[in-house]
N, C-alpha and C. Protein backbone atom coordinates (compact mmCIF):
# COMPACT_ATOMS: atom_id res chain seq x y z
N UNK A 1 20.49 -47.28 -50.32
CA UNK A 1 19.35 -46.56 -49.82
C UNK A 1 19.55 -46.15 -48.36
N UNK A 2 20.11 -47.07 -47.56
CA UNK A 2 20.32 -46.76 -46.15
C UNK A 2 21.27 -45.59 -45.95
N UNK A 3 22.37 -45.49 -46.70
CA UNK A 3 23.27 -44.34 -46.50
C UNK A 3 22.57 -43.02 -46.83
N UNK A 4 21.66 -42.99 -47.80
CA UNK A 4 20.95 -41.77 -48.16
C UNK A 4 20.00 -41.37 -47.03
N UNK A 5 19.27 -42.35 -46.50
CA UNK A 5 18.36 -42.07 -45.38
C UNK A 5 19.14 -41.62 -44.16
N UNK A 6 20.26 -42.26 -43.90
CA UNK A 6 21.07 -41.88 -42.76
C UNK A 6 21.60 -40.46 -42.94
N UNK A 7 22.02 -40.10 -44.13
CA UNK A 7 22.52 -38.75 -44.41
C UNK A 7 21.40 -37.72 -44.24
N UNK A 8 20.22 -38.05 -44.76
CA UNK A 8 19.07 -37.14 -44.60
C UNK A 8 18.71 -36.97 -43.13
N UNK A 9 18.77 -38.05 -42.40
CA UNK A 9 18.45 -38.00 -40.97
C UNK A 9 19.47 -37.13 -40.22
N UNK A 10 20.74 -37.28 -40.53
CA UNK A 10 21.78 -36.48 -39.89
C UNK A 10 21.60 -35.01 -40.25
N UNK A 11 21.29 -34.70 -41.51
CA UNK A 11 21.06 -33.32 -41.94
C UNK A 11 19.84 -32.75 -41.22
N UNK A 12 18.79 -33.51 -41.11
CA UNK A 12 17.57 -33.06 -40.43
C UNK A 12 17.87 -32.76 -38.96
N UNK A 13 18.60 -33.62 -38.30
CA UNK A 13 18.95 -33.40 -36.90
C UNK A 13 19.82 -32.14 -36.78
N UNK A 14 20.77 -31.96 -37.66
CA UNK A 14 21.64 -30.79 -37.64
C UNK A 14 20.82 -29.51 -37.83
N UNK A 15 19.88 -29.52 -38.77
CA UNK A 15 19.02 -28.35 -39.01
C UNK A 15 18.19 -28.06 -37.76
N UNK A 16 17.62 -29.07 -37.16
CA UNK A 16 16.81 -28.87 -35.95
C UNK A 16 17.66 -28.30 -34.82
N UNK A 17 18.86 -28.82 -34.64
CA UNK A 17 19.72 -28.33 -33.57
C UNK A 17 20.14 -26.89 -33.80
N UNK A 18 20.38 -26.52 -35.04
CA UNK A 18 20.81 -25.16 -35.36
C UNK A 18 19.65 -24.18 -35.22
N UNK A 19 18.47 -24.55 -35.63
CA UNK A 19 17.34 -23.62 -35.64
C UNK A 19 16.55 -23.61 -34.35
N UNK A 20 16.68 -24.60 -33.52
CA UNK A 20 15.91 -24.64 -32.27
C UNK A 20 16.53 -23.70 -31.25
N UNK A 21 15.68 -22.96 -30.60
CA UNK A 21 16.10 -22.07 -29.53
C UNK A 21 15.34 -22.46 -28.27
N UNK A 22 15.88 -22.04 -27.16
CA UNK A 22 15.13 -22.22 -25.93
C UNK A 22 13.89 -21.35 -26.01
N UNK A 23 12.76 -21.83 -25.57
CA UNK A 23 11.57 -20.98 -25.61
C UNK A 23 11.72 -19.81 -24.63
N UNK A 24 11.17 -18.67 -25.03
CA UNK A 24 11.18 -17.53 -24.12
C UNK A 24 10.21 -17.81 -23.00
N UNK A 25 10.64 -17.54 -21.79
CA UNK A 25 9.81 -17.81 -20.63
C UNK A 25 9.49 -16.48 -19.96
N UNK A 26 8.78 -15.61 -20.70
CA UNK A 26 8.46 -14.29 -20.19
C UNK A 26 6.98 -14.14 -19.85
N UNK A 27 6.34 -15.24 -19.57
CA UNK A 27 4.93 -15.23 -19.19
C UNK A 27 4.86 -15.32 -17.67
N UNK A 28 4.29 -14.31 -17.00
CA UNK A 28 4.24 -14.34 -15.54
C UNK A 28 3.49 -15.55 -14.98
N UNK A 29 2.59 -16.12 -15.76
CA UNK A 29 1.82 -17.28 -15.31
C UNK A 29 2.65 -18.57 -15.33
N UNK A 30 3.72 -18.60 -16.13
CA UNK A 30 4.57 -19.78 -16.29
C UNK A 30 5.36 -20.00 -15.00
N UNK A 31 5.20 -21.19 -14.40
CA UNK A 31 5.92 -21.50 -13.16
C UNK A 31 7.43 -21.41 -13.34
N UNK A 32 7.91 -21.62 -14.56
CA UNK A 32 9.35 -21.59 -14.84
C UNK A 32 9.76 -20.31 -15.57
N UNK A 33 9.00 -19.24 -15.39
CA UNK A 33 9.33 -18.01 -16.11
C UNK A 33 10.70 -17.50 -15.71
N UNK A 34 11.32 -16.79 -16.62
CA UNK A 34 12.65 -16.22 -16.39
C UNK A 34 12.59 -14.71 -16.26
N UNK A 35 11.41 -14.19 -15.96
CA UNK A 35 11.26 -12.75 -15.79
C UNK A 35 12.04 -12.27 -14.57
N UNK A 36 12.69 -11.16 -14.71
CA UNK A 36 13.33 -10.52 -13.57
C UNK A 36 12.19 -10.02 -12.67
N UNK A 37 12.18 -10.37 -11.38
CA UNK A 37 11.08 -9.94 -10.49
C UNK A 37 10.87 -8.43 -10.47
N UNK A 38 11.94 -7.65 -10.68
CA UNK A 38 11.82 -6.20 -10.72
C UNK A 38 11.12 -5.73 -12.00
N UNK A 39 11.25 -6.50 -13.08
CA UNK A 39 10.72 -6.09 -14.38
C UNK A 39 9.20 -6.04 -14.41
N UNK A 40 8.56 -6.82 -13.57
CA UNK A 40 7.09 -6.79 -13.58
C UNK A 40 6.51 -6.38 -12.23
N UNK A 41 7.31 -5.68 -11.46
CA UNK A 41 6.85 -5.13 -10.19
C UNK A 41 6.19 -3.77 -10.41
N UNK A 42 5.28 -3.37 -9.53
CA UNK A 42 4.73 -2.01 -9.61
C UNK A 42 5.86 -0.99 -9.43
N UNK A 43 5.64 0.22 -9.94
CA UNK A 43 6.64 1.28 -9.81
C UNK A 43 6.03 2.48 -9.09
N UNK A 44 6.88 3.38 -8.70
CA UNK A 44 6.53 4.68 -8.10
C UNK A 44 5.41 4.59 -7.06
N UNK A 45 5.57 3.71 -6.10
CA UNK A 45 4.58 3.59 -5.02
C UNK A 45 4.66 4.85 -4.15
N UNK A 46 3.50 5.48 -3.96
CA UNK A 46 3.42 6.69 -3.14
C UNK A 46 2.26 6.56 -2.17
N UNK A 47 2.36 7.28 -1.08
CA UNK A 47 1.29 7.26 -0.07
C UNK A 47 0.93 8.70 0.28
N UNK A 48 -0.38 8.93 0.38
CA UNK A 48 -0.89 10.27 0.70
C UNK A 48 -1.83 10.18 1.88
N UNK A 49 -1.70 11.12 2.80
CA UNK A 49 -2.60 11.18 3.95
C UNK A 49 -3.91 11.81 3.52
N UNK A 50 -4.99 11.06 3.67
CA UNK A 50 -6.33 11.56 3.36
C UNK A 50 -6.99 12.11 4.62
N UNK A 51 -6.82 11.39 5.72
CA UNK A 51 -7.32 11.85 7.03
C UNK A 51 -6.53 11.11 8.10
N UNK A 52 -6.89 11.34 9.36
CA UNK A 52 -6.17 10.67 10.44
C UNK A 52 -6.40 9.16 10.44
N UNK A 53 -7.44 8.70 9.75
CA UNK A 53 -7.74 7.26 9.71
C UNK A 53 -7.63 6.68 8.30
N UNK A 54 -7.13 7.44 7.35
CA UNK A 54 -7.10 6.96 5.96
C UNK A 54 -5.83 7.39 5.23
N UNK A 55 -5.29 6.45 4.43
CA UNK A 55 -4.16 6.72 3.55
C UNK A 55 -4.49 6.19 2.17
N UNK A 56 -4.02 6.88 1.14
CA UNK A 56 -4.23 6.43 -0.23
C UNK A 56 -2.89 6.04 -0.84
N UNK A 57 -2.80 4.81 -1.34
CA UNK A 57 -1.63 4.32 -2.05
C UNK A 57 -1.87 4.47 -3.54
N UNK A 58 -0.87 4.95 -4.27
CA UNK A 58 -0.93 5.03 -5.73
C UNK A 58 0.37 4.46 -6.29
N UNK A 59 0.28 3.90 -7.49
CA UNK A 59 1.45 3.32 -8.15
C UNK A 59 1.23 3.31 -9.65
N UNK A 60 2.32 3.06 -10.37
CA UNK A 60 2.25 2.87 -11.81
C UNK A 60 2.69 1.44 -12.11
N UNK A 61 2.39 0.99 -13.33
CA UNK A 61 2.78 -0.36 -13.72
C UNK A 61 3.09 -0.36 -15.21
N UNK A 62 4.29 -0.85 -15.57
CA UNK A 62 4.71 -0.89 -16.97
C UNK A 62 5.16 -2.29 -17.38
N UNK A 63 4.81 -3.30 -16.61
CA UNK A 63 5.24 -4.67 -16.91
C UNK A 63 4.31 -5.36 -17.89
N UNK A 64 4.43 -6.69 -17.97
CA UNK A 64 3.57 -7.47 -18.88
C UNK A 64 2.09 -7.24 -18.58
N UNK A 65 1.28 -7.25 -19.62
CA UNK A 65 -0.15 -7.00 -19.44
C UNK A 65 -0.90 -8.23 -18.95
N UNK A 66 -0.33 -9.40 -19.12
CA UNK A 66 -1.06 -10.62 -18.78
C UNK A 66 -0.83 -11.05 -17.33
N UNK A 67 -1.02 -10.08 -16.41
CA UNK A 67 -0.95 -10.37 -14.98
C UNK A 67 -2.36 -10.56 -14.45
N UNK A 68 -2.46 -11.08 -13.24
CA UNK A 68 -3.78 -11.24 -12.62
C UNK A 68 -4.18 -9.97 -11.88
N UNK A 69 -3.22 -9.34 -11.20
CA UNK A 69 -3.53 -8.12 -10.47
C UNK A 69 -2.42 -7.77 -9.49
N UNK A 70 -2.82 -7.04 -8.42
CA UNK A 70 -1.89 -6.57 -7.41
C UNK A 70 -2.36 -7.03 -6.04
N UNK A 71 -1.41 -7.30 -5.16
CA UNK A 71 -1.72 -7.63 -3.77
C UNK A 71 -1.00 -6.64 -2.88
N UNK A 72 -1.68 -6.26 -1.80
CA UNK A 72 -1.12 -5.34 -0.83
C UNK A 72 -1.11 -6.03 0.53
N UNK A 73 0.06 -6.01 1.17
CA UNK A 73 0.22 -6.50 2.54
C UNK A 73 0.40 -5.28 3.43
N UNK A 74 0.03 -5.42 4.72
CA UNK A 74 0.17 -4.30 5.65
C UNK A 74 0.70 -4.80 6.98
N UNK A 75 1.53 -3.99 7.60
CA UNK A 75 2.06 -4.29 8.93
C UNK A 75 1.78 -3.08 9.81
N UNK A 76 1.12 -3.32 10.94
CA UNK A 76 0.79 -2.24 11.89
C UNK A 76 1.71 -2.36 13.09
N UNK A 77 2.54 -1.33 13.31
CA UNK A 77 3.44 -1.35 14.45
C UNK A 77 4.36 -2.56 14.41
N UNK A 78 4.42 -3.28 15.52
CA UNK A 78 5.27 -4.47 15.63
C UNK A 78 4.50 -5.76 15.34
N UNK A 79 3.24 -5.65 14.93
CA UNK A 79 2.44 -6.84 14.64
C UNK A 79 2.97 -7.55 13.39
N UNK A 80 2.50 -8.78 13.18
CA UNK A 80 2.88 -9.54 11.98
C UNK A 80 2.24 -8.91 10.74
N UNK A 81 2.82 -9.20 9.58
CA UNK A 81 2.27 -8.72 8.31
C UNK A 81 0.90 -9.33 8.08
N UNK A 82 -0.04 -8.52 7.62
CA UNK A 82 -1.33 -9.00 7.12
C UNK A 82 -1.12 -9.25 5.63
N UNK A 83 -0.98 -10.52 5.27
CA UNK A 83 -0.68 -10.88 3.89
C UNK A 83 -1.96 -10.83 3.06
N UNK A 84 -1.85 -10.25 1.88
CA UNK A 84 -2.98 -10.12 0.95
C UNK A 84 -4.17 -9.42 1.61
N UNK A 85 -3.88 -8.34 2.32
CA UNK A 85 -4.94 -7.52 2.91
C UNK A 85 -5.90 -7.06 1.81
N UNK A 86 -5.35 -6.77 0.65
CA UNK A 86 -6.17 -6.38 -0.51
C UNK A 86 -5.63 -7.08 -1.75
N UNK A 87 -6.53 -7.66 -2.53
CA UNK A 87 -6.19 -8.23 -3.85
C UNK A 87 -6.98 -7.42 -4.87
N UNK A 88 -6.27 -6.77 -5.77
CA UNK A 88 -6.89 -5.80 -6.67
C UNK A 88 -6.74 -6.22 -8.12
N UNK A 89 -7.72 -5.88 -8.97
CA UNK A 89 -7.63 -6.20 -10.39
C UNK A 89 -6.46 -5.47 -11.05
N UNK A 90 -6.02 -5.99 -12.18
CA UNK A 90 -4.83 -5.44 -12.86
C UNK A 90 -5.01 -4.02 -13.37
N UNK A 91 -6.23 -3.54 -13.51
CA UNK A 91 -6.47 -2.17 -13.98
C UNK A 91 -6.32 -1.14 -12.87
N UNK A 92 -6.31 -1.57 -11.62
CA UNK A 92 -6.30 -0.67 -10.47
C UNK A 92 -4.93 -0.03 -10.28
N UNK A 93 -4.92 1.26 -9.94
CA UNK A 93 -3.67 1.96 -9.65
C UNK A 93 -3.73 2.77 -8.36
N UNK A 94 -4.86 2.68 -7.63
CA UNK A 94 -4.98 3.34 -6.33
C UNK A 94 -5.74 2.43 -5.37
N UNK A 95 -5.47 2.59 -4.10
CA UNK A 95 -6.18 1.85 -3.07
C UNK A 95 -6.16 2.67 -1.79
N UNK A 96 -7.30 2.74 -1.10
CA UNK A 96 -7.40 3.49 0.15
C UNK A 96 -7.53 2.54 1.33
N UNK A 97 -6.67 2.75 2.31
CA UNK A 97 -6.79 2.03 3.58
C UNK A 97 -7.54 2.95 4.53
N UNK A 98 -8.76 2.56 4.87
CA UNK A 98 -9.63 3.39 5.71
C UNK A 98 -9.73 2.87 7.13
N UNK A 99 -8.83 1.98 7.52
CA UNK A 99 -8.94 1.34 8.83
C UNK A 99 -7.79 1.67 9.77
N UNK A 100 -7.12 2.79 9.55
CA UNK A 100 -6.01 3.16 10.42
C UNK A 100 -6.50 3.64 11.78
N UNK A 101 -5.70 3.37 12.79
CA UNK A 101 -6.01 3.83 14.14
C UNK A 101 -5.22 5.10 14.38
N UNK A 102 -5.91 6.21 14.68
CA UNK A 102 -5.18 7.47 14.89
C UNK A 102 -4.48 7.48 16.24
N UNK A 103 -3.21 7.12 16.22
CA UNK A 103 -2.42 7.06 17.44
C UNK A 103 -1.03 7.61 17.11
N UNK A 104 -0.67 8.68 17.75
CA UNK A 104 0.62 9.31 17.47
C UNK A 104 1.74 8.30 17.65
N UNK A 105 2.61 8.23 16.64
CA UNK A 105 3.77 7.34 16.70
C UNK A 105 3.52 5.94 16.16
N UNK A 106 2.29 5.59 15.85
CA UNK A 106 2.00 4.26 15.30
C UNK A 106 2.38 4.24 13.82
N UNK A 107 3.19 3.26 13.44
CA UNK A 107 3.69 3.16 12.08
C UNK A 107 2.96 2.06 11.32
N UNK A 108 2.59 2.36 10.09
CA UNK A 108 2.02 1.36 9.18
C UNK A 108 2.98 1.20 8.01
N UNK A 109 3.26 -0.06 7.66
CA UNK A 109 4.09 -0.35 6.49
C UNK A 109 3.23 -1.08 5.47
N UNK A 110 3.44 -0.76 4.22
CA UNK A 110 2.71 -1.40 3.13
C UNK A 110 3.72 -1.98 2.14
N UNK A 111 3.37 -3.11 1.56
CA UNK A 111 4.15 -3.65 0.44
C UNK A 111 3.15 -4.09 -0.63
N UNK A 112 3.50 -3.79 -1.87
CA UNK A 112 2.64 -4.13 -3.00
C UNK A 112 3.45 -4.94 -3.99
N UNK A 113 2.80 -5.89 -4.62
CA UNK A 113 3.45 -6.71 -5.64
C UNK A 113 2.42 -7.16 -6.66
N UNK A 114 2.91 -7.49 -7.84
CA UNK A 114 2.08 -7.99 -8.93
C UNK A 114 2.03 -9.50 -8.80
N UNK A 115 0.90 -10.10 -9.17
CA UNK A 115 0.84 -11.56 -9.12
C UNK A 115 0.11 -12.11 -10.34
N UNK A 116 0.47 -13.34 -10.67
CA UNK A 116 -0.17 -14.10 -11.75
C UNK A 116 -0.15 -15.56 -11.29
N UNK A 117 -1.32 -16.06 -10.94
CA UNK A 117 -1.37 -17.42 -10.39
C UNK A 117 -0.61 -17.48 -9.08
N UNK A 118 0.36 -18.41 -8.98
CA UNK A 118 1.17 -18.55 -7.78
C UNK A 118 2.47 -17.75 -7.85
N UNK A 119 2.69 -17.00 -8.91
CA UNK A 119 3.93 -16.25 -9.10
C UNK A 119 3.74 -14.79 -8.67
N UNK A 120 4.80 -14.23 -8.11
CA UNK A 120 4.76 -12.84 -7.66
C UNK A 120 6.00 -12.10 -8.12
N UNK A 121 5.82 -10.80 -8.32
CA UNK A 121 6.94 -9.93 -8.69
C UNK A 121 7.70 -9.53 -7.43
N UNK A 122 8.68 -8.68 -7.60
CA UNK A 122 9.35 -8.05 -6.46
C UNK A 122 8.35 -7.12 -5.78
N UNK A 123 8.63 -6.79 -4.53
CA UNK A 123 7.73 -5.94 -3.76
C UNK A 123 8.25 -4.52 -3.71
N UNK A 124 7.34 -3.59 -3.66
CA UNK A 124 7.67 -2.19 -3.40
C UNK A 124 7.06 -1.86 -2.04
N UNK A 125 7.75 -1.06 -1.23
CA UNK A 125 7.27 -0.78 0.11
C UNK A 125 7.22 0.71 0.38
N UNK A 126 6.37 1.08 1.33
CA UNK A 126 6.27 2.45 1.81
C UNK A 126 5.79 2.41 3.26
N UNK A 127 6.04 3.49 3.97
CA UNK A 127 5.70 3.57 5.39
C UNK A 127 5.01 4.89 5.68
N UNK A 128 4.12 4.87 6.66
CA UNK A 128 3.46 6.09 7.11
C UNK A 128 3.24 6.00 8.61
N UNK A 129 3.15 7.15 9.25
CA UNK A 129 2.81 7.19 10.67
C UNK A 129 1.47 7.86 10.82
N UNK A 130 0.73 7.38 11.81
CA UNK A 130 -0.56 8.01 12.10
C UNK A 130 -0.35 8.97 13.26
N UNK A 131 -0.35 10.22 12.94
CA UNK A 131 -0.25 11.24 13.96
C UNK A 131 -1.64 11.77 14.25
N UNK A 132 -1.87 12.09 15.49
CA UNK A 132 -3.14 12.65 15.90
C UNK A 132 -2.84 13.98 16.60
N UNK A 133 -2.58 15.01 15.78
CA UNK A 133 -2.15 16.28 16.38
C UNK A 133 -3.25 16.95 17.19
N UNK A 134 -2.85 17.45 18.32
CA UNK A 134 -3.79 18.14 19.21
C UNK A 134 -4.13 19.51 18.62
N UNK A 135 -5.28 20.06 19.01
CA UNK A 135 -5.60 21.42 18.59
C UNK A 135 -4.58 22.39 19.22
N UNK A 136 -4.46 23.56 18.64
CA UNK A 136 -3.52 24.55 19.17
C UNK A 136 -4.16 25.93 19.15
N UNK A 137 -3.44 26.88 19.66
CA UNK A 137 -3.85 28.29 19.66
C UNK A 137 -5.20 28.51 20.34
N UNK A 138 -5.37 27.89 21.51
CA UNK A 138 -6.61 28.06 22.27
C UNK A 138 -6.68 29.48 22.81
N UNK A 139 -7.81 30.14 22.56
CA UNK A 139 -8.05 31.48 23.10
C UNK A 139 -9.39 31.51 23.80
N UNK A 140 -9.43 32.28 24.85
CA UNK A 140 -10.66 32.47 25.62
C UNK A 140 -11.08 33.92 25.50
N UNK A 141 -12.33 34.14 25.17
CA UNK A 141 -12.86 35.50 25.11
C UNK A 141 -14.04 35.57 26.08
N UNK A 142 -13.96 36.50 27.01
CA UNK A 142 -15.04 36.66 28.00
C UNK A 142 -16.21 37.37 27.33
N UNK A 143 -17.36 36.71 27.35
CA UNK A 143 -18.57 37.30 26.76
C UNK A 143 -19.42 37.98 27.82
N UNK A 144 -19.43 37.43 29.04
CA UNK A 144 -20.17 38.00 30.17
C UNK A 144 -19.55 37.43 31.44
N UNK A 145 -20.16 37.74 32.59
CA UNK A 145 -19.63 37.22 33.85
C UNK A 145 -19.72 35.71 33.94
N UNK A 146 -20.60 35.10 33.16
CA UNK A 146 -20.78 33.64 33.24
C UNK A 146 -20.58 32.94 31.90
N UNK A 147 -20.10 33.66 30.90
CA UNK A 147 -20.00 33.07 29.57
C UNK A 147 -18.65 33.40 28.92
N UNK A 148 -18.04 32.37 28.34
CA UNK A 148 -16.78 32.52 27.63
C UNK A 148 -16.88 31.86 26.26
N UNK A 149 -16.14 32.42 25.34
CA UNK A 149 -16.06 31.83 24.00
C UNK A 149 -14.67 31.21 23.85
N UNK A 150 -14.63 29.92 23.48
CA UNK A 150 -13.37 29.22 23.25
C UNK A 150 -13.16 29.07 21.75
N UNK A 151 -11.97 29.36 21.27
CA UNK A 151 -11.61 29.16 19.86
C UNK A 151 -10.25 28.48 19.82
N UNK A 152 -10.05 27.62 18.83
CA UNK A 152 -8.78 26.91 18.68
C UNK A 152 -8.55 26.56 17.22
N UNK A 153 -7.32 26.18 16.92
CA UNK A 153 -6.96 25.75 15.57
C UNK A 153 -7.05 24.23 15.52
N UNK A 154 -7.79 23.73 14.55
CA UNK A 154 -7.94 22.28 14.34
C UNK A 154 -6.76 21.82 13.47
N UNK A 155 -5.92 20.95 14.01
CA UNK A 155 -4.72 20.51 13.30
C UNK A 155 -4.84 19.11 12.70
N UNK A 156 -6.04 18.59 12.63
CA UNK A 156 -6.22 17.25 12.04
C UNK A 156 -7.51 17.20 11.25
N UNK A 157 -7.64 16.17 10.43
CA UNK A 157 -8.87 15.97 9.67
C UNK A 157 -9.37 14.56 9.93
N UNK A 158 -10.66 14.41 10.01
CA UNK A 158 -11.25 13.08 10.17
C UNK A 158 -11.68 12.75 11.59
N UNK A 159 -11.40 13.65 12.55
CA UNK A 159 -11.81 13.35 13.92
C UNK A 159 -13.32 13.52 14.07
N UNK A 160 -13.86 12.93 15.11
CA UNK A 160 -15.31 13.01 15.32
C UNK A 160 -15.72 14.32 15.98
N UNK A 161 -14.83 14.95 16.68
CA UNK A 161 -15.16 16.19 17.37
C UNK A 161 -14.14 16.49 18.44
N UNK A 162 -14.52 17.32 19.39
CA UNK A 162 -13.63 17.74 20.46
C UNK A 162 -14.34 17.59 21.80
N UNK A 163 -13.57 17.27 22.82
CA UNK A 163 -14.08 17.25 24.19
C UNK A 163 -13.36 18.36 24.94
N UNK A 164 -14.11 19.05 25.77
CA UNK A 164 -13.57 20.15 26.54
C UNK A 164 -13.63 19.79 28.01
N UNK A 165 -12.48 19.86 28.67
CA UNK A 165 -12.41 19.66 30.12
C UNK A 165 -12.41 21.04 30.77
N UNK A 166 -12.88 21.10 32.03
CA UNK A 166 -12.99 22.40 32.70
C UNK A 166 -12.49 22.26 34.13
N UNK A 167 -11.86 23.35 34.59
CA UNK A 167 -11.38 23.37 35.97
C UNK A 167 -11.57 24.77 36.51
N UNK A 168 -12.30 24.87 37.61
CA UNK A 168 -12.41 26.15 38.33
C UNK A 168 -11.17 26.26 39.23
N UNK A 169 -10.87 27.40 39.67
CA UNK A 169 -9.60 27.71 40.33
C UNK A 169 -9.13 26.64 41.31
N UNK A 170 -9.85 26.34 42.34
CA UNK A 170 -9.38 25.38 43.35
C UNK A 170 -10.09 24.03 43.28
N UNK A 171 -10.87 23.82 42.26
CA UNK A 171 -11.63 22.57 42.14
C UNK A 171 -10.89 21.57 41.27
N UNK A 172 -11.40 20.34 41.24
CA UNK A 172 -10.84 19.29 40.38
C UNK A 172 -11.29 19.52 38.93
N UNK A 173 -10.57 18.90 38.02
CA UNK A 173 -10.94 18.95 36.60
C UNK A 173 -12.27 18.22 36.37
N UNK A 174 -13.12 18.79 35.57
CA UNK A 174 -14.33 18.11 35.11
C UNK A 174 -14.01 17.62 33.70
N UNK A 175 -13.85 16.32 33.57
CA UNK A 175 -13.47 15.72 32.28
C UNK A 175 -14.72 15.59 31.40
N UNK A 176 -14.60 15.99 30.15
CA UNK A 176 -15.73 15.89 29.22
C UNK A 176 -16.84 16.88 29.54
N UNK A 177 -16.47 18.01 30.06
CA UNK A 177 -17.46 19.05 30.42
C UNK A 177 -18.28 19.48 29.21
N UNK A 178 -17.63 19.58 28.08
CA UNK A 178 -18.33 19.98 26.86
C UNK A 178 -17.86 19.17 25.68
N UNK A 179 -18.73 19.05 24.68
CA UNK A 179 -18.38 18.33 23.45
C UNK A 179 -18.65 19.24 22.27
């Protein structure tokens, strides 16, 4: 009887060893997942200028559906990264940053990644500069001996308005003469 049980036991172990596979670890929530970080990262990150103080980020996502969402980090100029500036639901594919400072030459960097629990995908990055272009093509039209019409081309969007400085021939500049 013992040799039969031993033979059955050996056959059972052999069957288990042959049919057992390593479990697939393709769940982003699994701390030991084997997903390639690029495989579940956002794709085609783009940035569009909405105004001098706003940028819109858009992206696509084709990874696993069982993610928690997306996180966006931002770096302004030489400052440290603002980690998780925005945490967005998994259905979201656009986000607007409305807090930019309009300063010519100031660079903003963004990085976006997918997350599930404590796990994160690879990051996608993009950069933008905040330019604050001055008006151009200023023309003066004399309307009378004491009245002039000023016209110019507005080269930016989102500004609050314009300030006009004035200087008579030999006098000092009057700053903020008109608004």
